[in-house]
Every structure is written in C-alpha cells, then in structure tokens.
Amino acid sequence: MKRLKKVAGCGLLLVLLSGCCTPMASRSQLQMLEETRKVAESAEADLAACKQHRAELERQLAQKKQVLAEWQNILSQCNRS
C-alpha cells in the first residue's frame, strides 16, 4: 500500500507540474494518472502473491527440515546399536 501511495503521489505531481499554466488537469494527464494507479495496484497485487508464495515455501521447508531431523535421529540411534 505504501508503494501504491508513492506511485500515485508521483503521478499526481507529474500531472500538476506538467499543467502549471492551467488550473485543471487535461484529459490525457488524468488518463496517465489512472494508468499509473492501475500499474501500481497490479504491482502491489503481484507483491502480495509473491509474499504468500514465499510463506508457503518457507512452511514446506520447515516441514522438510523437521522430517530430516527425525530421520537423522533414527539413523544416529541405529548407529549406536
């Protein structure tokens, strides 16, 4: 969300700076701002999906480490016998 606000803020600043002579933003400037907002929202959604995927992978890794530790424990008990 922070990135979305930053991108939207930059887009708004561009609209305002490019239209210093007119009090209202032009239709093309507003369209550019809307496109920037959509790109930012898409990037935020992609980031959220990546974070969710990473969390799932980390959960799977933790499970596999636990299984490995259990097998190592079994092997070390067999070697002691």
PDB file of N, CA and C in Angstrom:
ATOM      1  N   MET A   1       0.833  -1.189   0.000  1.00  0.00           N
ATOM      2  CA  MET A   1       0.000   0.000   0.000  1.00  0.00           C
ATOM      3  C   MET A   1       0.875   1.248   0.000  1.00  0.00           C
ATOM      4  N   LYS A   2       1.999   1.188   0.694  1.00  0.00           N
ATOM      5  CA  LYS A   2       2.893   2.335   0.751  1.00  0.00           C
ATOM      6  C   LYS A   2       3.409   2.674  -0.649  1.00  0.00           C
ATOM      7  N   ARG A   3       3.738   1.620  -1.417  1.00  0.00           N
ATOM      8  CA  ARG A   3       4.244   1.821  -2.770  1.00  0.00           C
ATOM      9  C   ARG A   3       3.161   2.415  -3.658  1.00  0.00           C
ATOM     10  N   LEU A   4       1.928   1.968  -3.478  1.00  0.00           N
ATOM     11  CA  LEU A   4       0.816   2.487  -4.259  1.00  0.00           C
ATOM     12  C   LEU A   4       0.654   3.982  -4.017  1.00  0.00           C
ATOM     13  N   LYS A   5       0.716   4.395  -2.759  1.00  0.00           N
ATOM     14  CA  LYS A   5       0.580   5.813  -2.439  1.00  0.00           C
ATOM     15  C   LYS A   5       1.731   6.622  -3.033  1.00  0.00           C
ATOM     16  N   LYS A   6       2.931   6.048  -2.996  1.00  0.00           N
ATOM     17  CA  LYS A   6       4.100   6.751  -3.527  1.00  0.00           C
ATOM     18  C   LYS A   6       3.976   6.944  -5.035  1.00  0.00           C
ATOM     19  N   VAL A   7       3.593   5.867  -5.746  1.00  0.00           N
ATOM     20  CA  VAL A   7       3.444   5.948  -7.196  1.00  0.00           C
ATOM     21  C   VAL A   7       2.325   6.907  -7.562  1.00  0.00           C
ATOM     22  N   ALA A   8       1.203   6.810  -6.863  1.00  0.00           N
ATOM     23  CA  ALA A   8       0.084   7.710  -7.148  1.00  0.00           C
ATOM     24  C   ALA A   8       0.465   9.158  -6.857  1.00  0.00           C
ATOM     25  N   GLY A   9       1.214   9.361  -5.797  1.00  0.00           N
ATOM     26  CA  GLY A   9       1.672  10.704  -5.463  1.00  0.00           C
ATOM     27  C   GLY A   9       2.595  11.266  -6.528  1.00  0.00           C
ATOM     28  N   CYS A  10       3.504  10.420  -7.023  1.00  0.00           N
ATOM     29  CA  CYS A  10       4.408  10.849  -8.101  1.00  0.00           C
ATOM     30  C   CYS A  10       3.618  11.164  -9.367  1.00  0.00           C
ATOM     31  N   GLY A  11       2.629  10.335  -9.657  1.00  0.00           N
ATOM     32  CA  GLY A  11       1.804  10.586 -10.835  1.00  0.00           C
ATOM     33  C   GLY A  11       1.048  11.897 -10.720  1.00  0.00           C
ATOM     34  N   LEU A  12       0.501  12.156  -9.531  1.00  0.00           N
ATOM     35  CA  LEU A  12      -0.216  13.407  -9.303  1.00  0.00           C
ATOM     36  C   LEU A  12       0.724  14.599  -9.430  1.00  0.00           C
ATOM     37  N   LEU A  13       1.924  14.459  -8.907  1.00  0.00           N
ATOM     38  CA  LEU A  13       2.916  15.527  -9.011  1.00  0.00           C
ATOM     39  C   LEU A  13       3.251  15.798 -10.470  1.00  0.00           C
ATOM     40  N   LEU A  14       3.407  14.743 -11.267  1.00  0.00           N
ATOM     41  CA  LEU A  14       3.679  14.918 -12.694  1.00  0.00           C
ATOM     42  C   LEU A  14       2.536  15.649 -13.383  1.00  0.00           C
ATOM     43  N   VAL A  15       1.321  15.286 -13.037  1.00  0.00           N
ATOM     44  CA  VAL A  15       0.159  15.942 -13.634  1.00  0.00           C
ATOM     45  C   VAL A  15       0.157  17.427 -13.274  1.00  0.00           C
ATOM     46  N   LEU A  16       0.418  17.711 -12.021  1.00  0.00           N
ATOM     47  CA  LEU A  16       0.390  19.109 -11.584  1.00  0.00           C
ATOM     48  C   LEU A  16       1.527  19.915 -12.196  1.00  0.00           C
ATOM     49  N   LEU A  17       2.720  19.341 -12.257  1.00  0.00           N
ATOM     50  CA  LEU A  17       3.857  20.070 -12.804  1.00  0.00           C
ATOM     51  C   LEU A  17       3.758  20.277 -14.305  1.00  0.00           C
ATOM     52  N   SER A  18       3.204  19.301 -14.999  1.00  0.00           N
ATOM     53  CA  SER A  18       3.118  19.439 -16.455  1.00  0.00           C
ATOM     54  C   SER A  18       1.981  20.378 -16.865  1.00  0.00           C
ATOM     55  N   GLY A  19       1.103  20.688 -15.970  1.00  0.00           N
ATOM     56  CA  GLY A  19      -0.017  21.568 -16.310  1.00  0.00           C
ATOM     57  C   GLY A  19      -0.013  22.843 -15.479  1.00  0.00           C
ATOM     58  N   CYS A  20       1.152  23.427 -15.267  1.00  0.00           N
ATOM     59  CA  CYS A  20       1.265  24.603 -14.407  1.00  0.00           C
ATOM     60  C   CYS A  20       0.449  25.793 -14.917  1.00  0.00           C
ATOM     61  N   CYS A  21       0.239  25.863 -16.218  1.00  0.00           N
ATOM     62  CA  CYS A  21      -0.461  27.010 -16.777  1.00  0.00           C
ATOM     63  C   CYS A  21      -1.979  26.888 -16.676  1.00  0.00           C
ATOM     64  N   THR A  22      -2.471  25.691 -16.448  1.00  0.00           N
ATOM     65  CA  THR A  22      -3.913  25.511 -16.392  1.00  0.00           C
ATOM     66  C   THR A  22      -4.307  25.033 -14.998  1.00  0.00           C
ATOM     67  N   PRO A  23      -5.453  25.495 -14.512  1.00  0.00           N
ATOM     68  CA  PRO A  23      -5.874  25.085 -13.173  1.00  0.00           C
ATOM     69  C   PRO A  23      -6.397  23.647 -13.125  1.00  0.00           C
ATOM     70  N   MET A  24      -6.792  23.080 -14.258  1.00  0.00           N
ATOM     71  CA  MET A  24      -7.337  21.730 -14.288  1.00  0.00           C
ATOM     72  C   MET A  24      -6.410  20.827 -15.094  1.00  0.00           C
ATOM     73  N   ALA A  25      -6.333  19.579 -14.683  1.00  0.00           N
ATOM     74  CA  ALA A  25      -5.540  18.617 -15.432  1.00  0.00           C
ATOM     75  C   ALA A  25      -6.281  18.255 -16.716  1.00  0.00           C
ATOM     76  N   SER A  26      -5.511  18.036 -17.752  1.00  0.00           N
ATOM     77  CA  SER A  26      -6.132  17.666 -19.023  1.00  0.00           C
ATOM     78  C   SER A  26      -6.600  16.219 -18.970  1.00  0.00           C
ATOM     79  N   ARG A  27      -7.412  15.864 -19.929  1.00  0.00           N
ATOM     80  CA  ARG A  27      -7.931  14.502 -20.008  1.00  0.00           C
ATOM     81  C   ARG A  27      -6.791  13.499 -20.147  1.00  0.00           C
ATOM     82  N   SER A  28      -5.770  13.820 -20.956  1.00  0.00           N
ATOM     83  CA  SER A  28      -4.642  12.897 -21.145  1.00  0.00           C
ATOM     84  C   SER A  28      -3.823  12.766 -19.858  1.00  0.00           C
ATOM     85  N   GLN A  29      -3.701  13.848 -19.110  1.00  0.00           N
ATOM     86  CA  GLN A  29      -2.985  13.782 -17.838  1.00  0.00           C
ATOM     87  C   GLN A  29      -3.724  12.911 -16.835  1.00  0.00           C
ATOM     88  N   LEU A  30      -5.035  13.055 -16.803  1.00  0.00           N
ATOM     89  CA  LEU A  30      -5.835  12.220 -15.904  1.00  0.00           C
ATOM     90  C   LEU A  30      -5.777  10.763 -16.311  1.00  0.00           C
ATOM     91  N   GLN A  31      -5.765  10.515 -17.622  1.00  0.00           N
ATOM     92  CA  GLN A  31      -5.660   9.150 -18.104  1.00  0.00           C
ATOM     93  C   GLN A  31      -4.297   8.561 -17.720  1.00  0.00           C
ATOM     94  N   MET A  32      -3.249   9.354 -17.854  1.00  0.00           N
ATOM     95  CA  MET A  32      -1.913   8.902 -17.472  1.00  0.00           C
ATOM     96  C   MET A  32      -1.865   8.586 -15.978  1.00  0.00           C
ATOM     97  N   LEU A  33      -2.485   9.411 -15.184  1.00  0.00           N
ATOM     98  CA  LEU A  33      -2.526   9.187 -13.746  1.00  0.00           C
ATOM     99  C   LEU A  33      -3.296   7.906 -13.417  1.00  0.00           C
ATOM    100  N   GLU A  34      -4.406   7.680 -14.097  1.00  0.00           N
ATOM    101  CA  GLU A  34      -5.199   6.465 -13.887  1.00  0.00           C
ATOM    102  C   GLU A  34      -4.406   5.221 -14.282  1.00  0.00           C
ATOM    103  N   GLU A  35      -3.686   5.296 -15.395  1.00  0.00           N
ATOM    104  CA  GLU A  35      -2.854   4.163 -15.817  1.00  0.00           C
ATOM    105  C   GLU A  35      -1.750   3.882 -14.801  1.00  0.00           C
ATOM    106  N   THR A  36      -1.166   4.942 -14.262  1.00  0.00           N
ATOM    107  CA  THR A  36      -0.124   4.790 -13.245  1.00  0.00           C
ATOM    108  C   THR A  36      -0.695   4.122 -12.001  1.00  0.00           C
ATOM    109  N   ARG A  37      -1.903   4.510 -11.622  1.00  0.00           N
ATOM    110  CA  ARG A  37      -2.551   3.913 -10.459  1.00  0.00           C
ATOM    111  C   ARG A  37      -2.808   2.429 -10.685  1.00  0.00           C
ATOM    112  N   LYS A  38      -3.273   2.067 -11.880  1.00  0.00           N
ATOM    113  CA  LYS A  38      -3.546   0.669 -12.193  1.00  0.00           C
ATOM    114  C   LYS A  38      -2.266  -0.163 -12.163  1.00  0.00           C
ATOM    115  N   VAL A  39      -1.193   0.392 -12.696  1.00  0.00           N
ATOM    116  CA  VAL A  39       0.089  -0.325 -12.683  1.00  0.00           C
ATOM    117  C   VAL A  39       0.558  -0.524 -11.243  1.00  0.00           C
ATOM    118  N   ALA A  40       0.406   0.498 -10.430  1.00  0.00           N
ATOM    119  CA  ALA A  40       0.811   0.396  -9.026  1.00  0.00           C
ATOM    120  C   ALA A  40      -0.020  -0.643  -8.288  1.00  0.00           C
ATOM    121  N   GLU A  41      -1.312  -0.669  -8.528  1.00  0.00           N
ATOM    122  CA  GLU A  41      -2.176  -1.665  -7.886  1.00  0.00           C
ATOM    123  C   GLU A  41      -1.812  -3.080  -8.326  1.00  0.00           C
ATOM    124  N   SER A  42      -1.499  -3.226  -9.604  1.00  0.00           N
ATOM    125  CA  SER A  42      -1.095  -4.532 -10.122  1.00  0.00           C
ATOM    126  C   SER A  42       0.212  -4.980  -9.476  1.00  0.00           C
ATOM    127  N   ALA A  43       1.147  -4.048  -9.331  1.00  0.00           N
ATOM    128  CA  ALA A  43       2.424  -4.375  -8.696  1.00  0.00           C
ATOM    129  C   ALA A  43       2.214  -4.776  -7.237  1.00  0.00           C
ATOM    130  N   GLU A  44       1.328  -4.091  -6.560  1.00  0.00           N
ATOM    131  CA  GLU A  44       1.026  -4.430  -5.164  1.00  0.00           C
ATOM    132  C   GLU A  44       0.410  -5.833  -5.071  1.00  0.00           C
ATOM    133  N   ALA A  45      -0.473  -6.158  -6.000  1.00  0.00           N
ATOM    134  CA  ALA A  45      -1.092  -7.489  -6.005  1.00  0.00           C
ATOM    135  C   ALA A  45      -0.047  -8.566  -6.280  1.00  0.00           C
ATOM    136  N   ASP A  46       0.856  -8.294  -7.224  1.00  0.00           N
ATOM    137  CA  ASP A  46       1.935  -9.243  -7.518  1.00  0.00           C
ATOM    138  C   ASP A  46       2.825  -9.442  -6.300  1.00  0.00           C
ATOM    139  N   LEU A  47       3.136  -8.365  -5.620  1.00  0.00           N
ATOM    140  CA  LEU A  47       3.974  -8.452  -4.424  1.00  0.00           C
ATOM    141  C   LEU A  47       3.291  -9.281  -3.341  1.00  0.00           C
ATOM    142  N   ALA A  48       2.011  -9.063  -3.144  1.00  0.00           N
ATOM    143  CA  ALA A  48       1.269  -9.835  -2.140  1.00  0.00           C
ATOM    144  C   ALA A  48       1.263 -11.318  -2.491  1.00  0.00           C
ATOM    145  N   ALA A  49       1.087 -11.631  -3.779  1.00  0.00           N
ATOM    146  CA  ALA A  49       1.098 -13.038  -4.210  1.00  0.00           C
ATOM    147  C   ALA A  49       2.469 -13.654  -3.987  1.00  0.00           C
ATOM    148  N   CYS A  50       3.516 -12.903  -4.270  1.00  0.00           N
ATOM    149  CA  CYS A  50       4.885 -13.407  -4.053  1.00  0.00           C
ATOM    150  C   CYS A  50       5.147 -13.646  -2.567  1.00  0.00           C
ATOM    151  N   LYS A  51       4.688 -12.743  -1.730  1.00  0.00           N
ATOM    152  CA  LYS A  51       4.872 -12.924  -0.286  1.00  0.00           C
ATOM    153  C   LYS A  51       4.130 -14.154   0.210  1.00  0.00           C
ATOM    154  N   GLN A  52       2.935 -14.371  -0.303  1.00  0.00           N
ATOM    155  CA  GLN A  52       2.154 -15.540   0.091  1.00  0.00           C
ATOM    156  C   GLN A  52       2.844 -16.821  -0.376  1.00  0.00           C
ATOM    157  N   HIS A  53       3.351 -16.814  -1.594  1.00  0.00           N
ATOM    158  CA  HIS A  53       4.061 -17.981  -2.121  1.00  0.00           C
ATOM    159  C   HIS A  53       5.323 -18.252  -1.303  1.00  0.00           C
ATOM    160  N   ARG A  54       6.047 -17.214  -0.961  1.00  0.00           N
ATOM    161  CA  ARG A  54       7.252 -17.373  -0.152  1.00  0.00           C
ATOM    162  C   ARG A  54       6.917 -17.974   1.216  1.00  0.00           C
ATOM    163  N   ALA A  55       5.852 -17.492   1.821  1.00  0.00           N
ATOM    164  CA  ALA A  55       5.446 -18.021   3.130  1.00  0.00           C
ATOM    165  C   ALA A  55       5.123 -19.509   3.029  1.00  0.00           C
ATOM    166  N   GLU A  56       4.455 -19.910   1.952  1.00  0.00           N
ATOM    167  CA  GLU A  56       4.133 -21.322   1.749  1.00  0.00           C
ATOM    168  C   GLU A  56       5.406 -22.144   1.563  1.00  0.00           C
ATOM    169  N   LEU A  57       6.344 -21.625   0.785  1.00  0.00           N
ATOM    170  CA  LEU A  57       7.611 -22.333   0.582  1.00  0.00           C
ATOM    171  C   LEU A  57       8.392 -22.455   1.889  1.00  0.00           C
ATOM    172  N   GLU A  58       8.389 -21.407   2.694  1.00  0.00           N
ATOM    173  CA  GLU A  58       9.079 -21.462   3.984  1.00  0.00           C
ATOM    174  C   GLU A  58       8.420 -22.475   4.918  1.00  0.00           C
ATOM    175  N   ARG A  59       7.097 -22.584   4.863  1.00  0.00           N
ATOM    176  CA  ARG A  59       6.390 -23.575   5.667  1.00  0.00           C
ATOM    177  C   ARG A  59       6.773 -24.984   5.227  1.00  0.00           C
ATOM    178  N   GLN A  60       6.817 -25.214   3.919  1.00  0.00           N
ATOM    179  CA  GLN A  60       7.205 -26.519   3.396  1.00  0.00           C
ATOM    180  C   GLN A  60       8.646 -26.859   3.775  1.00  0.00           C
ATOM    181  N   LEU A  61       9.523 -25.866   3.700  1.00  0.00           N
ATOM    182  CA  LEU A  61      10.917 -26.083   4.074  1.00  0.00           C
ATOM    183  C   LEU A  61      11.042 -26.468   5.537  1.00  0.00           C
ATOM    184  N   ALA A  62      10.302 -25.807   6.396  1.00  0.00           N
ATOM    185  CA  ALA A  62      10.339 -26.126   7.822  1.00  0.00           C
ATOM    186  C   ALA A  62       9.868 -27.556   8.062  1.00  0.00           C
ATOM    187  N   GLN A  63       8.833 -27.977   7.352  1.00  0.00           N
ATOM    188  CA  GLN A  63       8.341 -29.352   7.487  1.00  0.00           C
ATOM    189  C   GLN A  63       9.406 -30.352   7.037  1.00  0.00           C
ATOM    190  N   LYS A  64      10.054 -30.069   5.916  1.00  0.00           N
ATOM    191  CA  LYS A  64      11.077 -30.979   5.399  1.00  0.00           C
ATOM    192  C   LYS A  64      12.281 -31.037   6.337  1.00  0.00           C
ATOM    193  N   LYS A  65      12.630 -29.907   6.937  1.00  0.00           N
ATOM    194  CA  LYS A  65      13.729 -29.903   7.908  1.00  0.00           C
ATOM    195  C   LYS A  65      13.378 -30.757   9.125  1.00  0.00           C
ATOM    196  N   GLN A  66      12.126 -30.702   9.527  1.00  0.00           N
ATOM    197  CA  GLN A  66      11.680 -31.498  10.663  1.00  0.00           C
ATOM    198  C   GLN A  66      11.765 -32.992  10.338  1.00  0.00           C
ATOM    199  N   VAL A  67      11.326 -33.375   9.157  1.00  0.00           N
ATOM    200  CA  VAL A  67      11.405 -34.781   8.734  1.00  0.00           C
ATOM    201  C   VAL A  67      12.865 -35.219   8.663  1.00  0.00           C
ATOM    202  N   LEU A  68      13.727 -34.375   8.116  1.00  0.00           N
ATOM    203  CA  LEU A  68      15.152 -34.688   8.035  1.00  0.00           C
ATOM    204  C   LEU A  68      15.744 -34.900   9.421  1.00  0.00           C
ATOM    205  N   ALA A  69      15.403 -34.031  10.349  1.00  0.00           N
ATOM    206  CA  ALA A  69      15.915 -34.161  11.713  1.00  0.00           C
ATOM    207  C   ALA A  69      15.445 -35.473  12.347  1.00  0.00           C
ATOM    208  N   GLU A  70      14.203 -35.838  12.089  1.00  0.00           N
ATOM    209  CA  GLU A  70      13.685 -37.102  12.618  1.00  0.00           C
ATOM    210  C   GLU A  70      14.450 -38.292  12.041  1.00  0.00           C
ATOM    211  N   TRP A  71      14.716 -38.275  10.740  1.00  0.00           N
ATOM    212  CA  TRP A  71      15.467 -39.361  10.111  1.00  0.00           C
ATOM    213  C   TRP A  71      16.911 -39.390  10.620  1.00  0.00           C
ATOM    214  N   GLN A  72      17.504 -38.224  10.804  1.00  0.00           N
ATOM    215  CA  GLN A  72      18.869 -38.185  11.337  1.00  0.00           C
ATOM    216  C   GLN A  72      18.910 -38.767  12.747  1.00  0.00           C
ATOM    217  N   ASN A  73      17.879 -38.498  13.533  1.00  0.00           N
ATOM    218  CA  ASN A  73      17.779 -39.041  14.887  1.00  0.00           C
ATOM    219  C   ASN A  73      17.660 -40.563  14.837  1.00  0.00           C
ATOM    220  N   ILE A  74      16.838 -41.073  13.931  1.00  0.00           N
ATOM    221  CA  ILE A  74      16.674 -42.520  13.777  1.00  0.00           C
ATOM    222  C   ILE A  74      17.999 -43.161  13.359  1.00  0.00           C
ATOM    223  N   LEU A  75      18.681 -42.540  12.399  1.00  0.00           N
ATOM    224  CA  LEU A  75      19.964 -43.085  11.943  1.00  0.00           C
ATOM    225  C   LEU A  75      21.015 -43.078  13.043  1.00  0.00           C
ATOM    226  N   SER A  76      21.043 -42.010  13.823  1.00  0.00           N
ATOM    227  CA  SER A  76      22.047 -41.958  14.892  1.00  0.00           C
ATOM    228  C   SER A  76      21.750 -43.007  15.966  1.00  0.00           C
ATOM    229  N   GLN A  77      20.475 -43.298  16.196  1.00  0.00           N
ATOM    230  CA  GLN A  77      20.124 -44.364  17.148  1.00  0.00           C
ATOM    231  C   GLN A  77      20.517 -45.724  16.606  1.00  0.00           C
ATOM    232  N   CYS A  78      20.369 -45.933  15.299  1.00  0.00           N
ATOM    233  CA  CYS A  78      20.763 -47.203  14.686  1.00  0.00           C
ATOM    234  C   CYS A  78      22.279 -47.389  14.744  1.00  0.00           C
ATOM    235  N   ASN A  79      23.012 -46.312  14.558  1.00  0.00           N
ATOM    236  CA  ASN A  79      24.479 -46.386  14.572  1.00  0.00           C
ATOM    237  C   ASN A  79      25.006 -46.676  15.963  1.00  0.00           C
ATOM    238  N   ARG A  80      24.271 -46.280  16.985  1.00  0.00           N
ATOM    239  CA  ARG A  80      24.692 -46.540  18.366  1.00  0.00           C
ATOM    240  C   ARG A  80      24.472 -48.003  18.732  1.00  0.00           C
ATOM    241  N   SER A  81      23.545 -48.641  18.077  1.00  0.00           N
ATOM    242  CA  SER A  81      23.202 -50.028  18.419  1.00  0.00           C
ATOM    243  C   SER A  81      24.237 -51.011  17.944  1.00  0.00           C
TER     244      SER A  81
END
